[in-house]
């Protein structure tokens, strides 16, 4: 069973930057795809970005493409999310998801999910 853990959330100031990490561990073999989602209080879970390891293809939601960067290390099943020019509206719980089978990036049908890490942006 794969365990997914997010690291790096906390308090940040508007205009600053933050780097989150996620590691998928405990399963045999590498993951096929790993992705970031977020959910603000009272809102629905939203797709942010994804990596497909085989050819290192990345996908972004248009709303974050100019400020967010996803990267990763396939050998350790680890991904990162760099958030620049933080805005108050970036405040949310950030979730990491992983799959060992092929699937499109925006689906919510990932096999494994982390518990989330809280990002709170202050003015």
N, C-alpha and C. Protein backbone atom coordinates (compact mmCIF):
# COMPACT_ATOMS: atom_id res chain seq x y z
N UNK A 1 0.84 -1.18 0.00
CA UNK A 1 0.00 0.00 0.00
C UNK A 1 0.88 1.24 0.00
N UNK A 2 0.61 2.17 -0.90
CA UNK A 2 1.39 3.39 -1.01
C UNK A 2 0.90 4.41 0.01
N UNK A 3 1.84 5.03 0.69
CA UNK A 3 1.53 6.12 1.61
C UNK A 3 1.98 7.43 0.98
N UNK A 4 1.09 8.42 0.96
CA UNK A 4 1.36 9.72 0.37
C UNK A 4 1.36 10.75 1.48
N UNK A 5 2.44 11.54 1.55
CA UNK A 5 2.59 12.54 2.60
C UNK A 5 3.00 13.86 2.00
N UNK A 6 2.29 14.93 2.38
CA UNK A 6 2.64 16.29 1.97
C UNK A 6 3.42 16.97 3.07
N UNK A 7 4.40 17.79 2.67
CA UNK A 7 5.26 18.50 3.61
C UNK A 7 5.44 19.93 3.12
N UNK A 8 5.49 20.87 4.05
CA UNK A 8 5.89 22.22 3.70
C UNK A 8 4.85 23.30 3.87
N UNK A 9 3.66 22.95 4.28
CA UNK A 9 2.64 23.95 4.50
C UNK A 9 2.91 24.77 5.74
N UNK A 10 2.17 25.84 5.89
CA UNK A 10 2.32 26.71 7.04
C UNK A 10 1.87 28.11 6.72
N UNK A 11 2.36 29.05 7.52
CA UNK A 11 2.03 30.46 7.33
C UNK A 11 3.01 31.12 6.38
N UNK A 12 2.50 31.99 5.52
CA UNK A 12 3.34 32.73 4.58
C UNK A 12 2.71 34.09 4.35
N UNK A 13 3.52 35.02 3.90
CA UNK A 13 3.01 36.36 3.63
C UNK A 13 2.72 36.55 2.16
N UNK A 14 1.71 37.34 1.89
CA UNK A 14 1.37 37.65 0.50
C UNK A 14 2.56 38.25 -0.22
N UNK A 15 2.76 37.82 -1.46
CA UNK A 15 3.89 38.28 -2.25
C UNK A 15 5.12 37.42 -2.12
N UNK A 16 5.16 36.56 -1.13
CA UNK A 16 6.29 35.68 -0.93
C UNK A 16 6.18 34.40 -1.73
N UNK A 17 6.99 33.42 -1.37
CA UNK A 17 6.99 32.15 -2.08
C UNK A 17 6.98 31.00 -1.07
N UNK A 18 6.58 29.85 -1.56
CA UNK A 18 6.48 28.67 -0.72
C UNK A 18 6.76 27.44 -1.57
N UNK A 19 7.38 26.45 -0.99
CA UNK A 19 7.70 25.22 -1.69
C UNK A 19 7.15 24.03 -0.90
N UNK A 20 6.26 23.29 -1.53
CA UNK A 20 5.69 22.10 -0.93
C UNK A 20 6.35 20.86 -1.51
N UNK A 21 6.34 19.78 -0.75
CA UNK A 21 6.87 18.51 -1.22
C UNK A 21 5.87 17.40 -0.93
N UNK A 22 5.93 16.37 -1.73
CA UNK A 22 5.09 15.20 -1.53
C UNK A 22 5.90 13.96 -1.89
N UNK A 23 5.85 12.97 -1.04
CA UNK A 23 6.53 11.72 -1.32
C UNK A 23 5.53 10.57 -1.22
N UNK A 24 5.56 9.70 -2.20
CA UNK A 24 4.77 8.48 -2.21
C UNK A 24 5.71 7.32 -1.93
N UNK A 25 5.49 6.64 -0.83
CA UNK A 25 6.40 5.59 -0.39
C UNK A 25 5.64 4.34 0.04
N UNK A 26 6.38 3.25 0.16
CA UNK A 26 5.82 2.02 0.68
C UNK A 26 5.31 1.04 -0.35
N UNK A 27 5.15 1.46 -1.58
CA UNK A 27 4.68 0.58 -2.63
C UNK A 27 5.81 0.06 -3.50
N UNK A 28 5.56 -1.06 -4.14
CA UNK A 28 6.55 -1.63 -5.04
C UNK A 28 6.53 -0.90 -6.38
N UNK A 29 7.70 -0.53 -6.85
CA UNK A 29 7.79 0.14 -8.12
C UNK A 29 7.47 1.63 -8.02
N UNK A 30 7.62 2.31 -9.13
CA UNK A 30 7.39 3.74 -9.19
C UNK A 30 5.93 4.05 -9.50
N UNK A 31 5.56 5.30 -9.28
CA UNK A 31 4.22 5.75 -9.65
C UNK A 31 4.19 6.14 -11.12
N UNK A 32 3.01 6.12 -11.71
CA UNK A 32 2.82 6.55 -13.08
C UNK A 32 2.60 8.06 -13.15
N UNK A 33 1.80 8.58 -12.21
CA UNK A 33 1.46 9.99 -12.20
C UNK A 33 1.31 10.47 -10.77
N UNK A 34 1.77 11.70 -10.51
CA UNK A 34 1.56 12.36 -9.23
C UNK A 34 1.09 13.78 -9.48
N UNK A 35 0.17 14.25 -8.64
CA UNK A 35 -0.51 15.51 -8.90
C UNK A 35 -0.76 16.28 -7.61
N UNK A 36 -1.01 17.58 -7.78
CA UNK A 36 -1.39 18.47 -6.70
C UNK A 36 -2.81 18.97 -6.90
N UNK A 37 -3.57 19.00 -5.82
CA UNK A 37 -4.89 19.60 -5.76
C UNK A 37 -4.94 20.53 -4.55
N UNK A 38 -5.97 21.37 -4.48
CA UNK A 38 -6.17 22.18 -3.29
C UNK A 38 -7.66 22.39 -3.05
N UNK A 39 -7.99 22.68 -1.79
CA UNK A 39 -9.37 22.90 -1.42
C UNK A 39 -9.43 24.00 -0.37
N UNK A 40 -10.07 25.10 -0.73
CA UNK A 40 -10.26 26.20 0.20
C UNK A 40 -11.47 25.92 1.09
N UNK A 41 -11.52 26.60 2.22
CA UNK A 41 -12.64 26.44 3.14
C UNK A 41 -13.95 26.76 2.43
N UNK A 42 -14.88 25.83 2.47
CA UNK A 42 -16.16 26.04 1.83
C UNK A 42 -16.17 25.81 0.34
N UNK A 43 -15.04 25.46 -0.23
CA UNK A 43 -14.95 25.26 -1.66
C UNK A 43 -14.79 23.79 -2.03
N UNK A 44 -14.67 23.57 -3.32
CA UNK A 44 -14.47 22.22 -3.83
C UNK A 44 -13.00 21.99 -4.14
N UNK A 45 -12.61 20.73 -4.19
CA UNK A 45 -11.24 20.40 -4.50
C UNK A 45 -10.93 20.76 -5.95
N UNK A 46 -9.81 21.46 -6.17
CA UNK A 46 -9.44 21.95 -7.48
C UNK A 46 -8.11 21.37 -7.92
N UNK A 47 -8.01 21.03 -9.18
CA UNK A 47 -6.77 20.55 -9.76
C UNK A 47 -5.77 21.69 -9.89
N UNK A 48 -4.50 21.41 -9.60
CA UNK A 48 -3.43 22.40 -9.74
C UNK A 48 -2.46 22.02 -10.85
N UNK A 49 -1.79 20.89 -10.69
CA UNK A 49 -0.76 20.50 -11.64
C UNK A 49 -0.45 19.01 -11.48
N UNK A 50 0.19 18.43 -12.50
CA UNK A 50 0.47 17.01 -12.50
C UNK A 50 1.73 16.69 -13.28
N UNK A 51 2.37 15.58 -12.92
CA UNK A 51 3.52 15.05 -13.65
C UNK A 51 3.22 13.62 -14.09
N UNK A 52 3.44 13.34 -15.36
CA UNK A 52 3.48 11.97 -15.86
C UNK A 52 4.94 11.61 -16.08
N UNK A 53 5.41 10.62 -15.36
CA UNK A 53 6.84 10.37 -15.28
C UNK A 53 7.49 9.88 -16.56
N UNK A 54 6.78 9.10 -17.36
CA UNK A 54 7.41 8.38 -18.46
C UNK A 54 8.15 9.29 -19.44
N UNK A 55 7.58 10.44 -19.75
CA UNK A 55 8.23 11.42 -20.62
C UNK A 55 8.33 12.78 -19.94
N UNK A 56 8.14 12.78 -18.63
CA UNK A 56 8.15 13.99 -17.82
C UNK A 56 7.24 15.07 -18.41
N UNK A 57 6.01 14.68 -18.65
CA UNK A 57 4.99 15.61 -19.11
C UNK A 57 4.33 16.27 -17.92
N UNK A 58 4.16 17.58 -17.98
CA UNK A 58 3.49 18.31 -16.92
C UNK A 58 2.21 18.94 -17.44
N UNK A 59 1.24 19.06 -16.56
CA UNK A 59 -0.03 19.69 -16.86
C UNK A 59 -0.36 20.68 -15.76
N UNK A 60 -0.91 21.82 -16.14
CA UNK A 60 -1.28 22.87 -15.20
C UNK A 60 -2.70 23.33 -15.45
N UNK A 61 -3.37 23.72 -14.38
CA UNK A 61 -4.60 24.45 -14.54
C UNK A 61 -4.25 25.87 -14.98
N UNK A 62 -5.03 26.42 -15.90
CA UNK A 62 -4.73 27.74 -16.43
C UNK A 62 -4.70 28.83 -15.35
N UNK A 63 -5.45 28.64 -14.29
CA UNK A 63 -5.54 29.65 -13.26
C UNK A 63 -4.26 29.81 -12.45
N UNK A 64 -3.37 28.83 -12.49
CA UNK A 64 -2.15 28.88 -11.68
C UNK A 64 -0.87 28.79 -12.50
N UNK A 65 -0.98 28.67 -13.79
CA UNK A 65 0.17 28.38 -14.64
C UNK A 65 1.25 29.45 -14.57
N UNK A 66 0.88 30.69 -14.32
CA UNK A 66 1.85 31.78 -14.31
C UNK A 66 2.61 31.91 -12.99
N UNK A 67 2.16 31.25 -11.94
CA UNK A 67 2.78 31.41 -10.62
C UNK A 67 3.22 30.09 -9.99
N UNK A 68 2.72 28.97 -10.47
CA UNK A 68 3.00 27.67 -9.86
C UNK A 68 3.91 26.85 -10.77
N UNK A 69 4.84 26.12 -10.17
CA UNK A 69 5.73 25.24 -10.92
C UNK A 69 5.79 23.88 -10.24
N UNK A 70 5.53 22.83 -11.01
CA UNK A 70 5.64 21.48 -10.48
C UNK A 70 6.94 20.86 -10.99
N UNK A 71 7.60 20.11 -10.13
CA UNK A 71 8.81 19.40 -10.49
C UNK A 71 8.87 18.13 -9.66
N UNK A 72 9.87 17.29 -9.91
CA UNK A 72 9.92 16.07 -9.13
C UNK A 72 11.14 15.22 -9.40
N UNK A 73 11.22 14.14 -8.65
CA UNK A 73 12.30 13.16 -8.74
C UNK A 73 11.65 11.79 -8.85
N UNK A 74 11.69 11.21 -10.04
CA UNK A 74 11.03 9.95 -10.28
C UNK A 74 11.59 8.82 -9.44
N UNK A 75 12.90 8.84 -9.21
CA UNK A 75 13.55 7.75 -8.49
C UNK A 75 13.06 7.61 -7.05
N UNK A 76 12.58 8.70 -6.48
CA UNK A 76 12.09 8.67 -5.11
C UNK A 76 10.59 8.90 -5.02
N UNK A 77 9.90 8.95 -6.15
CA UNK A 77 8.47 9.23 -6.19
C UNK A 77 8.13 10.47 -5.38
N UNK A 78 8.86 11.52 -5.65
CA UNK A 78 8.71 12.78 -4.94
C UNK A 78 8.37 13.89 -5.92
N UNK A 79 7.41 14.73 -5.58
CA UNK A 79 7.11 15.91 -6.38
C UNK A 79 7.14 17.14 -5.49
N UNK A 80 7.33 18.29 -6.14
CA UNK A 80 7.37 19.56 -5.45
C UNK A 80 6.39 20.52 -6.11
N UNK A 81 5.95 21.49 -5.36
CA UNK A 81 5.13 22.56 -5.89
C UNK A 81 5.69 23.88 -5.39
N UNK A 82 6.20 24.69 -6.30
CA UNK A 82 6.70 26.01 -5.96
C UNK A 82 5.61 27.04 -6.28
N UNK A 83 5.26 27.81 -5.28
CA UNK A 83 4.25 28.84 -5.44
C UNK A 83 4.93 30.19 -5.28
N UNK A 84 4.86 31.01 -6.30
CA UNK A 84 5.44 32.34 -6.27
C UNK A 84 4.35 33.40 -6.21
N UNK A 85 4.73 34.59 -5.74
CA UNK A 85 3.79 35.71 -5.64
C UNK A 85 2.51 35.28 -4.94
N UNK A 86 2.65 34.75 -3.75
CA UNK A 86 1.52 34.22 -3.01
C UNK A 86 0.43 35.26 -2.85
N UNK A 87 -0.80 34.81 -2.99
CA UNK A 87 -1.98 35.64 -2.80
C UNK A 87 -2.81 35.07 -1.66
N UNK A 88 -3.60 35.93 -1.04
CA UNK A 88 -4.44 35.49 0.06
C UNK A 88 -5.37 34.36 -0.40
N UNK A 89 -5.83 34.43 -1.63
CA UNK A 89 -6.73 33.41 -2.14
C UNK A 89 -6.05 32.06 -2.39
N UNK A 90 -4.73 31.99 -2.22
CA UNK A 90 -4.03 30.71 -2.28
C UNK A 90 -4.22 29.91 -0.99
N UNK A 91 -4.78 30.53 0.03
CA UNK A 91 -5.03 29.85 1.29
C UNK A 91 -5.95 28.65 1.06
N UNK A 92 -5.48 27.47 1.42
CA UNK A 92 -6.23 26.24 1.18
C UNK A 92 -5.46 25.07 1.78
N UNK A 93 -6.11 23.93 1.82
CA UNK A 93 -5.42 22.69 2.10
C UNK A 93 -4.94 22.12 0.77
N UNK A 94 -3.66 21.83 0.69
CA UNK A 94 -3.06 21.31 -0.52
C UNK A 94 -2.88 19.81 -0.40
N UNK A 95 -3.42 19.08 -1.37
CA UNK A 95 -3.39 17.63 -1.37
C UNK A 95 -2.51 17.09 -2.49
N UNK A 96 -1.87 15.99 -2.21
CA UNK A 96 -1.08 15.27 -3.19
C UNK A 96 -1.76 13.94 -3.49
N UNK A 97 -1.75 13.55 -4.76
CA UNK A 97 -2.34 12.30 -5.18
C UNK A 97 -1.38 11.53 -6.08
N UNK A 98 -1.47 10.21 -6.04
CA UNK A 98 -0.57 9.37 -6.82
C UNK A 98 -1.32 8.17 -7.38
N UNK A 99 -0.84 7.71 -8.54
CA UNK A 99 -1.40 6.52 -9.16
C UNK A 99 -0.28 5.68 -9.75
N UNK A 100 -0.41 4.37 -9.64
CA UNK A 100 0.53 3.44 -10.26
C UNK A 100 0.01 2.90 -11.58
N UNK A 101 -1.12 3.40 -12.03
CA UNK A 101 -1.71 3.01 -13.30
C UNK A 101 -2.00 4.25 -14.12
N UNK A 102 -2.07 4.13 -15.44
CA UNK A 102 -2.35 5.30 -16.28
C UNK A 102 -3.73 5.89 -16.02
N UNK A 103 -3.81 7.20 -16.00
CA UNK A 103 -5.05 7.92 -15.86
C UNK A 103 -4.81 9.38 -16.22
N UNK A 104 -5.85 10.11 -16.63
CA UNK A 104 -5.67 11.51 -17.00
C UNK A 104 -5.41 12.36 -15.76
N UNK A 105 -4.81 13.53 -15.93
CA UNK A 105 -4.36 14.31 -14.76
C UNK A 105 -5.47 14.87 -13.89
N UNK A 106 -6.57 15.30 -14.46
CA UNK A 106 -7.59 16.03 -13.70
C UNK A 106 -8.59 15.14 -12.97
N UNK A 107 -8.55 13.87 -13.19
CA UNK A 107 -9.49 12.97 -12.53
C UNK A 107 -9.30 12.96 -11.02
N UNK A 108 -10.36 12.66 -10.31
CA UNK A 108 -10.27 12.50 -8.86
C UNK A 108 -10.16 11.03 -8.46
N UNK A 109 -9.91 10.17 -9.43
CA UNK A 109 -9.88 8.73 -9.19
C UNK A 109 -8.48 8.19 -8.95
N UNK A 110 -7.61 9.00 -8.38
CA UNK A 110 -6.29 8.52 -8.00
C UNK A 110 -6.42 7.45 -6.92
N UNK A 111 -5.53 6.50 -6.94
CA UNK A 111 -5.58 5.40 -5.99
C UNK A 111 -5.15 5.82 -4.59
N UNK A 112 -4.28 6.81 -4.50
CA UNK A 112 -3.70 7.19 -3.21
C UNK A 112 -3.71 8.69 -3.04
N UNK A 113 -4.11 9.12 -1.85
CA UNK A 113 -4.20 10.54 -1.50
C UNK A 113 -3.50 10.80 -0.17
N UNK A 114 -2.87 11.96 -0.07
CA UNK A 114 -2.33 12.39 1.20
C UNK A 114 -3.41 13.02 2.06
N UNK A 115 -3.07 13.32 3.30
CA UNK A 115 -4.01 13.94 4.22
C UNK A 115 -4.09 15.45 4.05
N UNK A 116 -3.19 16.03 3.28
CA UNK A 116 -3.21 17.45 3.02
C UNK A 116 -2.30 18.23 3.94
N UNK A 117 -1.86 19.38 3.46
CA UNK A 117 -1.07 20.30 4.27
C UNK A 117 -1.66 21.70 4.11
N UNK A 118 -1.86 22.38 5.23
CA UNK A 118 -2.52 23.68 5.23
C UNK A 118 -1.55 24.78 4.83
N UNK A 119 -1.95 25.60 3.87
CA UNK A 119 -1.22 26.81 3.50
C UNK A 119 -2.10 28.00 3.84
N UNK A 120 -1.59 28.89 4.67
CA UNK A 120 -2.33 30.09 5.04
C UNK A 120 -1.50 31.31 4.67
N UNK A 121 -2.05 32.15 3.81
CA UNK A 121 -1.35 33.33 3.32
C UNK A 121 -1.91 34.56 4.03
N UNK A 122 -1.02 35.34 4.63
CA UNK A 122 -1.39 36.52 5.38
C UNK A 122 -1.09 37.78 4.59
N UNK A 123 -1.91 38.80 4.77
CA UNK A 123 -1.70 40.06 4.09
C UNK A 123 -0.68 40.92 4.81
